[in-house]
Amino acid sequence: MTPTAPLVRIVHLSIAPAHRAEFEAYVAQKITVVAKQPGCRSATWLRARDGSYFTYSEWVAEEFLEDYRRSATFAEIWPTLKAWFDAPAR
């Protein structure tokens, strides 16, 4: 059986300036929750010079990411983040 290659996921998030401090506080708490999901090797977030953000996560395989995306944890985190967007995630 051939081992599957790990999956790296990078998401660009554009957050409305009025919500950036709130976003940063929330993500600082929740990124460790994401990193502890089954199959997640690591998760972090970065702020770009233009004030936008990136999440960077590494997964053992795509099925682990998909399991996370169907989880109660994702169902809590994603709608909270989306409320602060000023453009769609990429």
N, C-alpha and C. Protein backbone atom coordinates (compact mmCIF):
# COMPACT_ATOMS: atom_id res chain seq x y z
N MET A 1 0.84 -1.18 0.00
CA MET A 1 0.00 0.00 0.00
C MET A 1 0.89 1.25 0.00
N THR A 2 0.63 2.15 -0.90
CA THR A 2 1.41 3.39 -1.01
C THR A 2 0.91 4.40 0.02
N PRO A 3 1.81 4.95 0.84
CA PRO A 3 1.36 5.96 1.80
C PRO A 3 0.87 7.21 1.08
N THR A 4 -0.15 7.83 1.64
CA THR A 4 -0.67 9.05 1.03
C THR A 4 0.19 10.23 1.45
N ALA A 5 0.29 11.18 0.57
CA ALA A 5 1.07 12.38 0.86
C ALA A 5 0.27 13.27 1.80
N PRO A 6 0.96 13.96 2.71
CA PRO A 6 0.24 14.88 3.59
C PRO A 6 -0.39 16.01 2.78
N LEU A 7 -1.41 16.61 3.35
CA LEU A 7 -2.11 17.70 2.70
C LEU A 7 -1.80 18.99 3.45
N VAL A 8 -1.38 20.00 2.72
CA VAL A 8 -1.17 21.33 3.29
C VAL A 8 -2.31 22.21 2.79
N ARG A 9 -2.96 22.89 3.73
CA ARG A 9 -4.08 23.76 3.36
C ARG A 9 -3.77 25.17 3.83
N ILE A 10 -3.80 26.10 2.90
CA ILE A 10 -3.57 27.52 3.19
C ILE A 10 -4.83 28.27 2.77
N VAL A 11 -5.40 29.00 3.72
CA VAL A 11 -6.62 29.76 3.44
C VAL A 11 -6.35 31.24 3.70
N HIS A 12 -6.69 32.07 2.73
CA HIS A 12 -6.55 33.53 2.87
C HIS A 12 -7.86 34.09 3.37
N LEU A 13 -7.80 34.86 4.46
CA LEU A 13 -9.00 35.44 5.08
C LEU A 13 -8.86 36.96 5.11
N SER A 14 -9.85 37.62 4.56
CA SER A 14 -9.90 39.07 4.59
C SER A 14 -10.92 39.47 5.66
N ILE A 15 -10.43 40.07 6.73
CA ILE A 15 -11.26 40.42 7.88
C ILE A 15 -11.49 41.93 7.89
N ALA A 16 -12.72 42.33 8.14
CA ALA A 16 -13.04 43.76 8.23
C ALA A 16 -12.18 44.39 9.32
N PRO A 17 -11.58 45.55 9.05
CA PRO A 17 -10.69 46.19 10.04
C PRO A 17 -11.31 46.33 11.44
N ALA A 18 -12.58 46.60 11.53
CA ALA A 18 -13.23 46.78 12.83
C ALA A 18 -13.28 45.49 13.65
N HIS A 19 -13.07 44.34 12.99
CA HIS A 19 -13.16 43.05 13.68
C HIS A 19 -11.82 42.34 13.84
N ARG A 20 -10.74 42.96 13.44
CA ARG A 20 -9.44 42.26 13.46
C ARG A 20 -8.97 41.88 14.86
N ALA A 21 -9.13 42.74 15.83
CA ALA A 21 -8.70 42.40 17.20
C ALA A 21 -9.52 41.23 17.74
N GLU A 22 -10.82 41.26 17.49
CA GLU A 22 -11.70 40.19 17.92
C GLU A 22 -11.34 38.88 17.21
N PHE A 23 -11.08 38.97 15.91
CA PHE A 23 -10.66 37.81 15.13
C PHE A 23 -9.38 37.21 15.70
N GLU A 24 -8.39 38.05 15.94
CA GLU A 24 -7.10 37.55 16.44
C GLU A 24 -7.26 36.86 17.80
N ALA A 25 -8.04 37.42 18.68
CA ALA A 25 -8.26 36.80 20.00
C ALA A 25 -8.94 35.44 19.85
N TYR A 26 -9.93 35.38 18.99
CA TYR A 26 -10.67 34.13 18.78
C TYR A 26 -9.77 33.06 18.15
N VAL A 27 -9.07 33.42 17.11
CA VAL A 27 -8.22 32.46 16.41
C VAL A 27 -7.07 31.99 17.32
N ALA A 28 -6.54 32.86 18.12
CA ALA A 28 -5.47 32.46 19.05
C ALA A 28 -5.94 31.34 19.98
N GLN A 29 -7.20 31.37 20.36
CA GLN A 29 -7.78 30.31 21.19
C GLN A 29 -8.07 29.06 20.39
N LYS A 30 -8.67 29.21 19.24
CA LYS A 30 -9.21 28.07 18.49
C LYS A 30 -8.18 27.33 17.65
N ILE A 31 -7.06 27.96 17.31
CA ILE A 31 -6.08 27.28 16.45
C ILE A 31 -5.52 26.04 17.13
N THR A 32 -5.40 26.06 18.45
CA THR A 32 -4.91 24.87 19.16
C THR A 32 -5.96 23.76 19.15
N VAL A 33 -7.22 24.13 19.14
CA VAL A 33 -8.30 23.14 19.03
C VAL A 33 -8.23 22.46 17.67
N VAL A 34 -8.01 23.23 16.63
CA VAL A 34 -7.88 22.66 15.28
C VAL A 34 -6.66 21.75 15.22
N ALA A 35 -5.55 22.18 15.78
CA ALA A 35 -4.31 21.39 15.74
C ALA A 35 -4.46 20.05 16.45
N LYS A 36 -5.40 19.94 17.36
CA LYS A 36 -5.61 18.69 18.11
C LYS A 36 -6.60 17.75 17.43
N GLN A 37 -7.13 18.14 16.29
CA GLN A 37 -8.08 17.28 15.58
C GLN A 37 -7.36 16.05 15.05
N PRO A 38 -8.05 14.90 15.01
CA PRO A 38 -7.42 13.69 14.46
C PRO A 38 -6.88 13.94 13.05
N GLY A 39 -5.63 13.55 12.85
CA GLY A 39 -5.02 13.69 11.54
C GLY A 39 -4.39 15.03 11.25
N CYS A 40 -4.54 16.00 12.15
CA CYS A 40 -3.91 17.31 11.93
C CYS A 40 -2.51 17.29 12.52
N ARG A 41 -1.52 17.53 11.70
CA ARG A 41 -0.12 17.57 12.15
C ARG A 41 0.23 18.90 12.79
N SER A 42 -0.35 19.98 12.24
CA SER A 42 -0.08 21.31 12.79
C SER A 42 -1.08 22.29 12.21
N ALA A 43 -1.28 23.38 12.95
CA ALA A 43 -2.14 24.46 12.47
C ALA A 43 -1.63 25.76 13.08
N THR A 44 -1.60 26.79 12.26
CA THR A 44 -1.16 28.10 12.73
C THR A 44 -1.87 29.17 11.91
N TRP A 45 -1.71 30.42 12.33
CA TRP A 45 -2.28 31.53 11.57
C TRP A 45 -1.23 32.63 11.49
N LEU A 46 -1.35 33.41 10.43
CA LEU A 46 -0.39 34.48 10.16
C LEU A 46 -1.13 35.73 9.75
N ARG A 47 -0.57 36.88 10.10
CA ARG A 47 -1.15 38.15 9.65
C ARG A 47 -0.23 38.73 8.58
N ALA A 48 -0.81 39.09 7.45
CA ALA A 48 -0.05 39.69 6.36
C ALA A 48 0.11 41.19 6.59
N ARG A 49 1.04 41.79 5.90
CA ARG A 49 1.28 43.23 6.04
C ARG A 49 0.05 44.07 5.69
N ASP A 50 -0.77 43.56 4.79
CA ASP A 50 -1.96 44.32 4.37
C ASP A 50 -3.13 44.18 5.34
N GLY A 51 -2.93 43.45 6.43
CA GLY A 51 -3.98 43.28 7.42
C GLY A 51 -4.86 42.06 7.18
N SER A 52 -4.62 41.33 6.12
CA SER A 52 -5.36 40.08 5.90
C SER A 52 -4.65 38.97 6.68
N TYR A 53 -5.26 37.80 6.68
CA TYR A 53 -4.73 36.68 7.46
C TYR A 53 -4.67 35.42 6.62
N PHE A 54 -3.86 34.49 7.09
CA PHE A 54 -3.77 33.17 6.49
C PHE A 54 -3.84 32.13 7.60
N THR A 55 -4.56 31.05 7.34
CA THR A 55 -4.43 29.88 8.20
C THR A 55 -3.63 28.86 7.40
N TYR A 56 -2.79 28.15 8.10
CA TYR A 56 -1.92 27.15 7.49
C TYR A 56 -2.08 25.88 8.33
N SER A 57 -2.51 24.81 7.69
CA SER A 57 -2.63 23.55 8.42
C SER A 57 -2.08 22.40 7.58
N GLU A 58 -1.54 21.42 8.28
CA GLU A 58 -1.02 20.22 7.65
C GLU A 58 -1.80 19.03 8.18
N TRP A 59 -2.25 18.18 7.25
CA TRP A 59 -3.08 17.03 7.59
C TRP A 59 -2.42 15.76 7.09
N VAL A 60 -2.58 14.68 7.82
CA VAL A 60 -2.01 13.39 7.43
C VAL A 60 -2.49 13.00 6.03
N ALA A 61 -3.77 13.23 5.78
CA ALA A 61 -4.36 12.94 4.47
C ALA A 61 -5.66 13.73 4.34
N GLU A 62 -6.15 13.86 3.12
CA GLU A 62 -7.34 14.67 2.86
C GLU A 62 -8.56 14.20 3.64
N GLU A 63 -8.69 12.90 3.85
CA GLU A 63 -9.87 12.42 4.57
C GLU A 63 -9.95 12.96 6.00
N PHE A 64 -8.81 13.24 6.62
CA PHE A 64 -8.82 13.83 7.96
C PHE A 64 -9.32 15.28 7.92
N LEU A 65 -8.90 16.01 6.91
CA LEU A 65 -9.41 17.38 6.74
C LEU A 65 -10.91 17.35 6.51
N GLU A 66 -11.37 16.45 5.68
CA GLU A 66 -12.81 16.35 5.40
C GLU A 66 -13.59 15.96 6.66
N ASP A 67 -13.03 15.07 7.46
CA ASP A 67 -13.68 14.71 8.73
C ASP A 67 -13.78 15.93 9.64
N TYR A 68 -12.73 16.73 9.70
CA TYR A 68 -12.76 17.96 10.50
C TYR A 68 -13.84 18.91 9.97
N ARG A 69 -13.92 19.05 8.66
CA ARG A 69 -14.90 19.97 8.06
C ARG A 69 -16.35 19.54 8.32
N ARG A 70 -16.56 18.27 8.67
CA ARG A 70 -17.89 17.78 9.02
C ARG A 70 -18.11 17.75 10.54
N SER A 71 -17.13 18.22 11.31
CA SER A 71 -17.19 18.10 12.77
C SER A 71 -17.96 19.25 13.43
N ALA A 72 -18.34 19.02 14.68
CA ALA A 72 -18.99 20.06 15.48
C ALA A 72 -18.03 21.22 15.72
N THR A 73 -16.74 20.93 15.82
CA THR A 73 -15.74 21.98 16.03
C THR A 73 -15.75 22.95 14.85
N PHE A 74 -15.71 22.43 13.63
CA PHE A 74 -15.75 23.28 12.45
C PHE A 74 -17.07 24.03 12.37
N ALA A 75 -18.16 23.36 12.72
CA ALA A 75 -19.48 23.99 12.69
C ALA A 75 -19.58 25.16 13.66
N GLU A 76 -18.77 25.16 14.69
CA GLU A 76 -18.71 26.29 15.63
C GLU A 76 -17.78 27.39 15.11
N ILE A 77 -16.59 27.00 14.67
CA ILE A 77 -15.56 27.97 14.32
C ILE A 77 -15.87 28.72 13.03
N TRP A 78 -16.21 28.01 11.97
CA TRP A 78 -16.33 28.64 10.65
C TRP A 78 -17.38 29.75 10.60
N PRO A 79 -18.60 29.54 11.10
CA PRO A 79 -19.59 30.63 11.05
C PRO A 79 -19.14 31.87 11.85
N THR A 80 -18.44 31.65 12.93
CA THR A 80 -17.93 32.78 13.72
C THR A 80 -16.96 33.59 12.89
N LEU A 81 -16.02 32.91 12.23
CA LEU A 81 -15.04 33.61 11.40
C LEU A 81 -15.71 34.31 10.22
N LYS A 82 -16.64 33.63 9.57
CA LYS A 82 -17.30 34.21 8.39
C LYS A 82 -18.02 35.52 8.70
N ALA A 83 -18.50 35.65 9.91
CA ALA A 83 -19.21 36.88 10.29
C ALA A 83 -18.28 38.10 10.25
N TRP A 84 -16.99 37.89 10.33
CA TRP A 84 -16.02 38.99 10.33
C TRP A 84 -15.39 39.24 8.96
N PHE A 85 -15.69 38.43 7.96
CA PHE A 85 -15.10 38.59 6.63
C PHE A 85 -15.57 39.89 5.97
N ASP A 86 -14.68 40.49 5.20
CA ASP A 86 -15.12 41.57 4.31
C ASP A 86 -14.94 41.17 2.85
N ALA A 87 -14.58 39.91 2.62
CA ALA A 87 -14.48 39.31 1.29
C ALA A 87 -14.50 37.80 1.50
N PRO A 88 -14.89 37.03 0.49
CA PRO A 88 -14.89 35.57 0.64
C PRO A 88 -13.48 35.02 0.90
N ALA A 89 -13.42 33.93 1.65
CA ALA A 89 -12.14 33.25 1.89
C ALA A 89 -11.63 32.68 0.57
N ARG A 90 -10.33 32.62 0.46
CA ARG A 90 -9.71 32.02 -0.74
C ARG A 90 -8.70 31.00 -0.29
